[in-house]
Amino acid sequence: MWYLAIQNIPIVQQVFGHFLEFAIATSVVGTVAAIVIGYVHLKRSPAYSSEADIGVESNPYYYKLPPGFNREVFAPMYFELLVLMQKILEGRPLGDEDKARIEKLKEKLKLLESGGAVGSERFAKQN
C-alpha cells in the first residue's frame, strides 16, 4: 500500500514521511478497527444468542440443583433459614426437630469447611 497510495501523493507523504511511520499508524488504526468491528459483529450476529441457548439446553444444571454440596448442604440450609425466619417472625419457639436439623446441617458445613465431601458415598470415601 505504501508504494501505491502514499509515495505518489505528496500531501499524504508529508504526514507519513517514511514507511515505518505509515506501518505503525496503520497497525494501530487497523487493530482498533478490527476489534471494534468484530465486537459489533458478534453482538449483532444471531450466532451469539443461539450459542448461549444451546449451552443452556445442553447443560441440565442450569435449571436443576447440581449434586454435591449444593444439593446436600446449601439448598437445605437456605430452606431451613427461610423456615426459621418465618418462625421467628411469627413468634413461635424452635422445636427439638428444628434443632436436630440445624445440627445436622452444621456438621455438613464443618465437613465441607475441613475439605471433606458430602453427597454421594463414592465422593465421600475419596476424602
C-alpha atoms as a PDB file:
ATOM      1  CA  MET A   1       0.000   0.000   0.000  1.00  0.00           C
ATOM      2  CA  TRP A   2       2.879   2.357   0.705  1.00  0.00           C
ATOM      3  CA  TYR A   3       4.035   2.384  -2.877  1.00  0.00           C
ATOM      4  CA  LEU A   4       0.521   2.588  -4.336  1.00  0.00           C
ATOM      5  CA  ALA A   5      -1.091   5.178  -2.069  1.00  0.00           C
ATOM      6  CA  ILE A   6       1.487   7.216  -0.208  1.00  0.00           C
ATOM      7  CA  GLN A   7       4.531   7.516  -2.398  1.00  0.00           C
ATOM      8  CA  ASN A   8       2.629   9.094  -5.299  1.00  0.00           C
ATOM      9  CA  ILE A   9       0.539  11.609  -3.248  1.00  0.00           C
ATOM     10  CA  PRO A  10       2.665  14.483  -1.918  1.00  0.00           C
ATOM     11  CA  ILE A  11       0.199  15.729   0.750  1.00  0.00           C
ATOM     12  CA  VAL A  12      -0.075  12.310   2.384  1.00  0.00           C
ATOM     13  CA  GLN A  13       3.664  11.794   2.013  1.00  0.00           C
ATOM     14  CA  GLN A  14       4.220  14.830   4.236  1.00  0.00           C
ATOM     15  CA  VAL A  15       2.176  13.221   7.020  1.00  0.00           C
ATOM     16  CA  PHE A  16       3.860   9.832   6.613  1.00  0.00           C
ATOM     17  CA  GLY A  17       7.387  10.713   5.624  1.00  0.00           C
ATOM     18  CA  HIS A  18       8.743   7.166   5.885  1.00  0.00           C
ATOM     19  CA  PHE A  19       7.378   3.678   5.574  1.00  0.00           C
ATOM     20  CA  LEU A  20       7.915   2.926   9.309  1.00  0.00           C
ATOM     21  CA  GLU A  21       5.581   5.758  10.368  1.00  0.00           C
ATOM     22  CA  PHE A  22       2.966   4.551   7.908  1.00  0.00           C
ATOM     23  CA  ALA A  23       3.286   0.953   9.141  1.00  0.00           C
ATOM     24  CA  ILE A  24       2.892   1.929  12.805  1.00  0.00           C
ATOM     25  CA  ALA A  25      -0.115   4.153  12.138  1.00  0.00           C
ATOM     26  CA  THR A  26      -1.921   1.595  10.005  1.00  0.00           C
ATOM     27  CA  SER A  27      -1.173  -1.160  12.519  1.00  0.00           C
ATOM     28  CA  VAL A  28      -2.648   0.802  15.415  1.00  0.00           C
ATOM     29  CA  VAL A  29      -5.695   2.031  13.494  1.00  0.00           C
ATOM     30  CA  GLY A  30      -6.220  -1.353  11.824  1.00  0.00           C
ATOM     31  CA  THR A  31      -6.041  -3.273  15.112  1.00  0.00           C
ATOM     32  CA  VAL A  32      -8.509  -1.000  16.891  1.00  0.00           C
ATOM     33  CA  ALA A  33     -10.852  -1.004  13.902  1.00  0.00           C
ATOM     34  CA  ALA A  34     -10.743  -4.819  13.672  1.00  0.00           C
ATOM     35  CA  ILE A  35     -11.580  -5.193  17.370  1.00  0.00           C
ATOM     36  CA  VAL A  36     -14.490  -2.765  17.215  1.00  0.00           C
ATOM     37  CA  ILE A  37     -15.903  -4.261  14.013  1.00  0.00           C
ATOM     38  CA  GLY A  38     -15.557  -7.791  15.423  1.00  0.00           C
ATOM     39  CA  TYR A  39     -17.306  -6.868  18.674  1.00  0.00           C
ATOM     40  CA  VAL A  40     -20.194  -5.191  16.855  1.00  0.00           C
ATOM     41  CA  HIS A  41     -20.487  -8.166  14.505  1.00  0.00           C
ATOM     42  CA  LEU A  42     -20.534 -10.612  17.421  1.00  0.00           C
ATOM     43  CA  LYS A  43     -23.248  -8.739  19.279  1.00  0.00           C
ATOM     44  CA  ARG A  44     -25.481  -8.295  16.229  1.00  0.00           C
ATOM     45  CA  SER A  45     -24.967 -11.804  14.928  1.00  0.00           C
ATOM     46  CA  PRO A  46     -27.656 -14.370  15.748  1.00  0.00           C
ATOM     47  CA  ALA A  47     -24.906 -16.926  16.329  1.00  0.00           C
ATOM     48  CA  TYR A  48     -24.052 -15.381  19.710  1.00  0.00           C
ATOM     49  CA  SER A  49     -27.541 -15.763  21.180  1.00  0.00           C
ATOM     50  CA  SER A  50     -28.129 -19.175  19.607  1.00  0.00           C
ATOM     51  CA  GLU A  51     -24.846 -20.457  21.055  1.00  0.00           C
ATOM     52  CA  ALA A  52     -25.960 -19.312  24.503  1.00  0.00           C
ATOM     53  CA  ASP A  53     -29.317 -21.048  24.001  1.00  0.00           C
ATOM     54  CA  ILE A  54     -27.600 -24.295  23.016  1.00  0.00           C
ATOM     55  CA  GLY A  55     -25.374 -24.073  26.097  1.00  0.00           C
ATOM     56  CA  VAL A  56     -28.400 -23.707  28.361  1.00  0.00           C
ATOM     57  CA  GLU A  57     -30.247 -26.601  26.707  1.00  0.00           C
ATOM     58  CA  SER A  58     -27.252 -28.937  26.774  1.00  0.00           C
ATOM     59  CA  ASN A  59     -26.416 -28.348  30.448  1.00  0.00           C
ATOM     60  CA  PRO A  60     -29.198 -29.704  32.673  1.00  0.00           C
ATOM     61  CA  TYR A  61     -27.863 -27.940  35.776  1.00  0.00           C
ATOM     62  CA  TYR A  62     -28.864 -24.512  34.524  1.00  0.00           C
ATOM     63  CA  TYR A  63     -32.354 -25.253  35.838  1.00  0.00           C
ATOM     64  CA  LYS A  64     -31.675 -28.003  38.360  1.00  0.00           C
ATOM     65  CA  LEU A  65     -29.770 -28.146  41.586  1.00  0.00           C
ATOM     66  CA  PRO A  66     -26.410 -29.806  40.920  1.00  0.00           C
ATOM     67  CA  PRO A  67     -25.456 -32.794  43.044  1.00  0.00           C
ATOM     68  CA  GLY A  68     -22.886 -32.492  45.791  1.00  0.00           C
ATOM     69  CA  PHE A  69     -22.571 -29.718  48.323  1.00  0.00           C
ATOM     70  CA  ASN A  70     -25.176 -27.532  46.626  1.00  0.00           C
ATOM     71  CA  ARG A  71     -27.895 -30.165  46.965  1.00  0.00           C
ATOM     72  CA  GLU A  72     -26.723 -31.697  50.250  1.00  0.00           C
ATOM     73  CA  VAL A  73     -25.794 -28.595  52.245  1.00  0.00           C
ATOM     74  CA  PHE A  74     -26.578 -25.208  50.793  1.00  0.00           C
ATOM     75  CA  ALA A  75     -30.105 -25.775  49.489  1.00  0.00           C
ATOM     76  CA  PRO A  76     -31.299 -27.363  52.786  1.00  0.00           C
ATOM     77  CA  MET A  77     -29.539 -24.605  54.712  1.00  0.00           C
ATOM     78  CA  TYR A  78     -31.344 -21.901  52.749  1.00  0.00           C
ATOM     79  CA  PHE A  79     -34.634 -23.726  53.244  1.00  0.00           C
ATOM     80  CA  GLU A  80     -34.035 -24.001  56.999  1.00  0.00           C
ATOM     81  CA  LEU A  81     -33.113 -20.334  57.197  1.00  0.00           C
ATOM     82  CA  LEU A  82     -36.367 -19.472  55.478  1.00  0.00           C
ATOM     83  CA  VAL A  83     -38.433 -21.699  57.796  1.00  0.00           C
ATOM     84  CA  LEU A  84     -36.661 -20.453  60.915  1.00  0.00           C
ATOM     85  CA  MET A  85     -37.012 -16.836  59.875  1.00  0.00           C
ATOM     86  CA  GLN A  86     -40.713 -17.422  59.362  1.00  0.00           C
ATOM     87  CA  LYS A  87     -40.983 -18.939  62.865  1.00  0.00           C
ATOM     88  CA  ILE A  88     -39.068 -16.057  64.396  1.00  0.00           C
ATOM     89  CA  LEU A  89     -41.289 -13.526  62.669  1.00  0.00           C
ATOM     90  CA  GLU A  90     -44.423 -15.377  63.803  1.00  0.00           C
ATOM     91  CA  GLY A  91     -43.080 -15.663  67.366  1.00  0.00           C
ATOM     92  CA  ARG A  92     -43.058 -19.485  67.543  1.00  0.00           C
ATOM     93  CA  PRO A  93     -40.334 -21.279  69.565  1.00  0.00           C
ATOM     94  CA  LEU A  94     -37.909 -23.751  67.943  1.00  0.00           C
ATOM     95  CA  GLY A  95     -38.710 -27.392  68.484  1.00  0.00           C
ATOM     96  CA  ASP A  96     -36.351 -30.323  69.060  1.00  0.00           C
ATOM     97  CA  GLU A  97     -36.639 -31.472  65.433  1.00  0.00           C
ATOM     98  CA  ASP A  98     -35.705 -27.975  64.241  1.00  0.00           C
ATOM     99  CA  LYS A  99     -32.613 -28.049  66.436  1.00  0.00           C
ATOM    100  CA  ALA A 100     -31.686 -31.547  65.166  1.00  0.00           C
ATOM    101  CA  ARG A 101     -31.909 -30.435  61.528  1.00  0.00           C
ATOM    102  CA  ILE A 102     -29.793 -27.386  62.290  1.00  0.00           C
ATOM    103  CA  GLU A 103     -27.142 -29.539  63.984  1.00  0.00           C
ATOM    104  CA  LYS A 104     -27.076 -31.926  61.008  1.00  0.00           C
ATOM    105  CA  LEU A 105     -26.544 -29.005  58.632  1.00  0.00           C
ATOM    106  CA  LYS A 106     -23.831 -27.597  60.893  1.00  0.00           C
ATOM    107  CA  GLU A 107     -21.990 -30.929  60.765  1.00  0.00           C
ATOM    108  CA  LYS A 108     -22.151 -30.969  56.955  1.00  0.00           C
ATOM    109  CA  LEU A 109     -20.904 -27.390  56.755  1.00  0.00           C
ATOM    110  CA  LYS A 110     -17.995 -28.205  59.083  1.00  0.00           C
ATOM    111  CA  LEU A 111     -17.169 -31.239  56.938  1.00  0.00           C
ATOM    112  CA  LEU A 112     -17.109 -29.073  53.809  1.00  0.00           C
ATOM    113  CA  GLU A 113     -15.009 -26.435  55.552  1.00  0.00           C
ATOM    114  CA  SER A 114     -12.420 -29.008  56.544  1.00  0.00           C
ATOM    115  CA  GLY A 115     -12.086 -30.208  52.949  1.00  0.00           C
ATOM    116  CA  GLY A 116     -14.397 -33.212  53.127  1.00  0.00           C
ATOM    117  CA  ALA A 117     -17.092 -34.216  50.684  1.00  0.00           C
ATOM    118  CA  VAL A 118     -20.826 -34.641  51.102  1.00  0.00           C
ATOM    119  CA  GLY A 119     -23.430 -36.278  48.933  1.00  0.00           C
ATOM    120  CA  SER A 120     -22.643 -39.448  47.081  1.00  0.00           C
ATOM    121  CA  GLU A 121     -20.796 -42.056  49.121  1.00  0.00           C
ATOM    122  CA  ARG A 122     -18.420 -42.537  46.202  1.00  0.00           C
ATOM    123  CA  PHE A 123     -17.102 -38.986  46.646  1.00  0.00           C
ATOM    124  CA  ALA A 124     -17.171 -39.061  50.449  1.00  0.00           C
ATOM    125  CA  LYS A 125     -14.939 -42.181  50.519  1.00  0.00           C
ATOM    126  CA  GLN A 126     -12.245 -40.479  48.447  1.00  0.00           C
ATOM    127  CA  ASN A 127     -11.504 -37.978  51.241  1.00  0.00           C
END
